[in-house]
Amino acid sequence: MARQINPSSFPSPQSNYSQGMVHNMASERLVISGQVGVKSDGSVANGLDAQMHQTWQNFMTVLSEAGFAPEHVIKVTIFTTMPA
C-alpha cells in the first residue's frame, strides 16, 4: 500500500500531488518529488544559497516525515537554473 507524505509545515499541494510516496515491494522505498527553495509560508528564499539551503531543508523534512534518515538516501539528483 502506498502512503503519501505531505508534511504539515509545507503549503498544501494544489492537486493530487505529494511531496513524497512510501511503498512496499521487497523493502520499503521513499520517492521524493522535486523540491524547491520555498519556505513553509509559501515565500521563496532570497538568493541562490538561501534557496539551495531551503531546498535541502525541505528534502530532509519529507525524509523525516516518512520515518527515514539521511543515511537511508541512495541517490539525489540536483538541477539548478539561472534565469535569463
N, C-alpha and C. Protein backbone atom coordinates (compact mmCIF):
# COMPACT_ATOMS: atom_id res chain seq x y z
N MET A 1 0.85 -1.18 0.00
CA MET A 1 0.00 0.00 0.00
C MET A 1 0.89 1.24 0.00
N ALA A 2 0.58 2.19 -0.84
CA ALA A 2 1.36 3.42 -0.91
C ALA A 2 0.87 4.40 0.16
N ARG A 3 1.81 5.17 0.71
CA ARG A 3 1.49 6.17 1.73
C ARG A 3 2.03 7.52 1.26
N GLN A 4 1.15 8.51 1.16
CA GLN A 4 1.55 9.85 0.74
C GLN A 4 2.22 10.59 1.90
N ILE A 5 3.27 11.37 1.58
CA ILE A 5 3.96 12.18 2.58
C ILE A 5 3.81 13.64 2.18
N ASN A 6 3.08 14.40 2.99
CA ASN A 6 2.90 15.84 2.82
C ASN A 6 3.04 16.48 4.19
N PRO A 7 4.28 16.91 4.56
CA PRO A 7 4.49 17.49 5.89
C PRO A 7 3.57 18.68 6.14
N SER A 8 3.06 18.78 7.35
CA SER A 8 2.15 19.86 7.71
C SER A 8 2.84 21.22 7.68
N SER A 9 4.18 21.24 7.70
CA SER A 9 4.91 22.51 7.64
C SER A 9 5.07 23.03 6.21
N PHE A 10 4.52 22.32 5.23
CA PHE A 10 4.60 22.72 3.83
C PHE A 10 3.27 23.31 3.40
N PRO A 11 3.26 24.17 2.38
CA PRO A 11 1.98 24.60 1.80
C PRO A 11 1.25 23.37 1.24
N SER A 12 -0.07 23.36 1.31
CA SER A 12 -0.86 22.23 0.80
C SER A 12 -0.70 22.11 -0.71
N PRO A 13 -0.57 20.87 -1.22
CA PRO A 13 -0.50 20.69 -2.67
C PRO A 13 -1.77 21.21 -3.34
N GLN A 14 -1.63 21.72 -4.55
CA GLN A 14 -2.76 22.29 -5.27
C GLN A 14 -3.57 21.24 -6.03
N SER A 15 -3.08 20.01 -6.09
CA SER A 15 -3.79 18.96 -6.82
C SER A 15 -3.49 17.63 -6.13
N ASN A 16 -3.71 16.56 -6.83
CA ASN A 16 -3.42 15.23 -6.30
C ASN A 16 -1.91 14.98 -6.43
N TYR A 17 -1.16 15.66 -5.60
CA TYR A 17 0.30 15.70 -5.65
C TYR A 17 0.82 15.44 -4.25
N SER A 18 1.94 14.78 -4.15
CA SER A 18 2.55 14.52 -2.84
C SER A 18 4.02 14.90 -2.88
N GLN A 19 4.53 15.36 -1.74
CA GLN A 19 5.95 15.67 -1.62
C GLN A 19 6.78 14.39 -1.62
N GLY A 20 6.19 13.30 -1.20
CA GLY A 20 6.88 12.01 -1.19
C GLY A 20 5.88 10.87 -1.18
N MET A 21 6.33 9.69 -1.55
CA MET A 21 5.50 8.49 -1.54
C MET A 21 6.31 7.35 -0.95
N VAL A 22 5.74 6.62 -0.04
CA VAL A 22 6.38 5.42 0.50
C VAL A 22 5.57 4.23 0.00
N HIS A 23 6.27 3.21 -0.47
CA HIS A 23 5.58 1.99 -0.88
C HIS A 23 6.43 0.78 -0.53
N ASN A 24 5.78 -0.34 -0.35
CA ASN A 24 6.46 -1.59 -0.02
C ASN A 24 6.53 -2.48 -1.24
N MET A 25 7.68 -2.97 -1.52
CA MET A 25 7.86 -4.03 -2.51
C MET A 25 8.67 -5.08 -1.77
N ALA A 26 9.90 -5.32 -2.16
CA ALA A 26 10.75 -6.22 -1.39
C ALA A 26 11.16 -5.54 -0.09
N SER A 27 11.23 -4.22 -0.14
CA SER A 27 11.52 -3.43 1.06
C SER A 27 10.81 -2.09 0.90
N GLU A 28 10.80 -1.30 1.95
CA GLU A 28 10.15 0.00 1.89
C GLU A 28 11.02 0.98 1.11
N ARG A 29 10.37 1.79 0.27
CA ARG A 29 11.09 2.74 -0.57
C ARG A 29 10.34 4.07 -0.56
N LEU A 30 11.08 5.16 -0.46
CA LEU A 30 10.51 6.50 -0.50
C LEU A 30 11.02 7.21 -1.74
N VAL A 31 10.11 7.74 -2.54
CA VAL A 31 10.46 8.55 -3.69
C VAL A 31 10.00 9.96 -3.36
N ILE A 32 10.92 10.92 -3.36
CA ILE A 32 10.60 12.31 -3.01
C ILE A 32 10.50 13.14 -4.28
N SER A 33 9.44 13.92 -4.36
CA SER A 33 9.25 14.78 -5.53
C SER A 33 10.31 15.87 -5.58
N GLY A 34 10.41 16.55 -6.69
CA GLY A 34 11.34 17.65 -6.83
C GLY A 34 11.05 18.73 -5.80
N GLN A 35 12.04 19.14 -5.07
CA GLN A 35 11.89 20.16 -4.04
C GLN A 35 12.49 21.47 -4.53
N VAL A 36 11.93 22.57 -4.07
CA VAL A 36 12.40 23.90 -4.46
C VAL A 36 12.62 24.74 -3.21
N GLY A 37 13.19 25.92 -3.39
CA GLY A 37 13.53 26.79 -2.27
C GLY A 37 12.37 27.61 -1.76
N VAL A 38 11.23 26.97 -1.50
CA VAL A 38 10.04 27.65 -0.99
C VAL A 38 9.90 27.34 0.49
N LYS A 39 9.69 28.39 1.29
CA LYS A 39 9.53 28.24 2.74
C LYS A 39 8.12 27.78 3.07
N SER A 40 7.90 27.40 4.32
CA SER A 40 6.59 26.89 4.76
C SER A 40 5.48 27.92 4.60
N ASP A 41 5.81 29.21 4.58
CA ASP A 41 4.78 30.24 4.40
C ASP A 41 4.49 30.51 2.93
N GLY A 42 5.16 29.78 2.03
CA GLY A 42 4.93 29.93 0.59
C GLY A 42 5.86 30.92 -0.08
N SER A 43 6.70 31.62 0.68
CA SER A 43 7.62 32.58 0.08
C SER A 43 8.88 31.87 -0.42
N VAL A 44 9.52 32.48 -1.41
CA VAL A 44 10.74 31.93 -1.98
C VAL A 44 11.93 32.52 -1.22
N ALA A 45 12.85 31.64 -0.83
CA ALA A 45 14.06 32.10 -0.14
C ALA A 45 14.82 33.08 -1.04
N ASN A 46 15.48 34.06 -0.44
CA ASN A 46 16.13 35.14 -1.19
C ASN A 46 17.56 34.77 -1.57
N GLY A 47 17.82 34.58 -2.83
CA GLY A 47 19.16 34.28 -3.32
C GLY A 47 19.40 32.79 -3.51
N LEU A 48 20.39 32.48 -4.35
CA LEU A 48 20.69 31.10 -4.70
C LEU A 48 21.08 30.26 -3.48
N ASP A 49 22.00 30.76 -2.66
CA ASP A 49 22.44 30.00 -1.47
C ASP A 49 21.26 29.70 -0.55
N ALA A 50 20.44 30.71 -0.29
CA ALA A 50 19.29 30.53 0.60
C ALA A 50 18.28 29.54 0.00
N GLN A 51 18.08 29.60 -1.31
CA GLN A 51 17.15 28.67 -1.96
C GLN A 51 17.68 27.24 -1.90
N MET A 52 18.99 27.08 -2.11
CA MET A 52 19.57 25.74 -2.04
C MET A 52 19.47 25.19 -0.61
N HIS A 53 19.73 26.03 0.37
CA HIS A 53 19.60 25.61 1.77
C HIS A 53 18.16 25.23 2.08
N GLN A 54 17.20 26.03 1.65
CA GLN A 54 15.78 25.75 1.90
C GLN A 54 15.34 24.46 1.20
N THR A 55 15.83 24.27 -0.02
CA THR A 55 15.50 23.04 -0.76
C THR A 55 15.98 21.82 0.01
N TRP A 56 17.19 21.89 0.53
CA TRP A 56 17.73 20.74 1.30
C TRP A 56 16.93 20.55 2.58
N GLN A 57 16.54 21.63 3.25
CA GLN A 57 15.70 21.51 4.45
C GLN A 57 14.37 20.84 4.09
N ASN A 58 13.77 21.25 2.98
CA ASN A 58 12.50 20.65 2.55
C ASN A 58 12.68 19.16 2.29
N PHE A 59 13.76 18.79 1.62
CA PHE A 59 14.06 17.39 1.34
C PHE A 59 14.16 16.59 2.65
N MET A 60 14.92 17.13 3.61
CA MET A 60 15.10 16.45 4.89
C MET A 60 13.79 16.35 5.68
N THR A 61 12.93 17.34 5.55
CA THR A 61 11.63 17.30 6.24
C THR A 61 10.78 16.16 5.70
N VAL A 62 10.72 16.02 4.38
CA VAL A 62 9.96 14.92 3.78
C VAL A 62 10.56 13.58 4.20
N LEU A 63 11.88 13.48 4.16
CA LEU A 63 12.58 12.26 4.56
C LEU A 63 12.21 11.87 5.99
N SER A 64 12.29 12.83 6.91
CA SER A 64 11.99 12.59 8.32
C SER A 64 10.52 12.24 8.53
N GLU A 65 9.64 12.97 7.86
CA GLU A 65 8.19 12.73 7.99
C GLU A 65 7.82 11.30 7.60
N ALA A 66 8.57 10.73 6.67
CA ALA A 66 8.33 9.36 6.20
C ALA A 66 8.99 8.32 7.10
N GLY A 67 9.76 8.77 8.11
CA GLY A 67 10.40 7.83 9.02
C GLY A 67 11.78 7.38 8.54
N PHE A 68 12.37 8.14 7.64
CA PHE A 68 13.70 7.81 7.13
C PHE A 68 14.72 8.82 7.67
N ALA A 69 16.00 8.51 7.49
CA ALA A 69 17.09 9.38 7.95
C ALA A 69 18.07 9.58 6.79
N PRO A 70 18.96 10.57 6.91
CA PRO A 70 19.91 10.83 5.81
C PRO A 70 20.71 9.60 5.37
N GLU A 71 21.03 8.71 6.29
CA GLU A 71 21.79 7.52 5.90
C GLU A 71 21.00 6.55 5.02
N HIS A 72 19.70 6.76 4.89
CA HIS A 72 18.88 5.92 4.02
C HIS A 72 18.85 6.43 2.58
N VAL A 73 19.38 7.62 2.33
CA VAL A 73 19.35 8.21 0.99
C VAL A 73 20.33 7.46 0.08
N ILE A 74 19.83 7.04 -1.06
CA ILE A 74 20.65 6.31 -2.03
C ILE A 74 21.11 7.23 -3.16
N LYS A 75 20.21 8.10 -3.62
CA LYS A 75 20.54 8.93 -4.77
C LYS A 75 19.77 10.24 -4.69
N VAL A 76 20.44 11.31 -5.06
CA VAL A 76 19.83 12.64 -5.16
C VAL A 76 20.27 13.23 -6.50
N THR A 77 19.32 13.76 -7.25
CA THR A 77 19.63 14.45 -8.50
C THR A 77 19.31 15.92 -8.28
N ILE A 78 20.24 16.79 -8.60
CA ILE A 78 20.07 18.22 -8.38
C ILE A 78 20.16 18.96 -9.71
N PHE A 79 19.17 19.82 -9.95
CA PHE A 79 19.16 20.70 -11.11
C PHE A 79 19.17 22.13 -10.63
N THR A 80 20.00 22.97 -11.21
CA THR A 80 19.97 24.39 -10.91
C THR A 80 19.79 25.14 -12.22
N THR A 81 19.11 26.26 -12.15
CA THR A 81 18.92 27.10 -13.33
C THR A 81 19.21 28.54 -12.97
N MET A 82 19.58 29.29 -13.93
CA MET A 82 19.79 30.72 -13.77
C MET A 82 18.82 31.42 -14.74
N PRO A 83 17.95 32.27 -14.23
CA PRO A 83 17.02 32.93 -15.15
C PRO A 83 17.77 33.80 -16.16
N ALA A 84 17.21 33.86 -17.36
CA ALA A 84 17.84 34.63 -18.43
C ALA A 84 17.61 36.12 -18.25
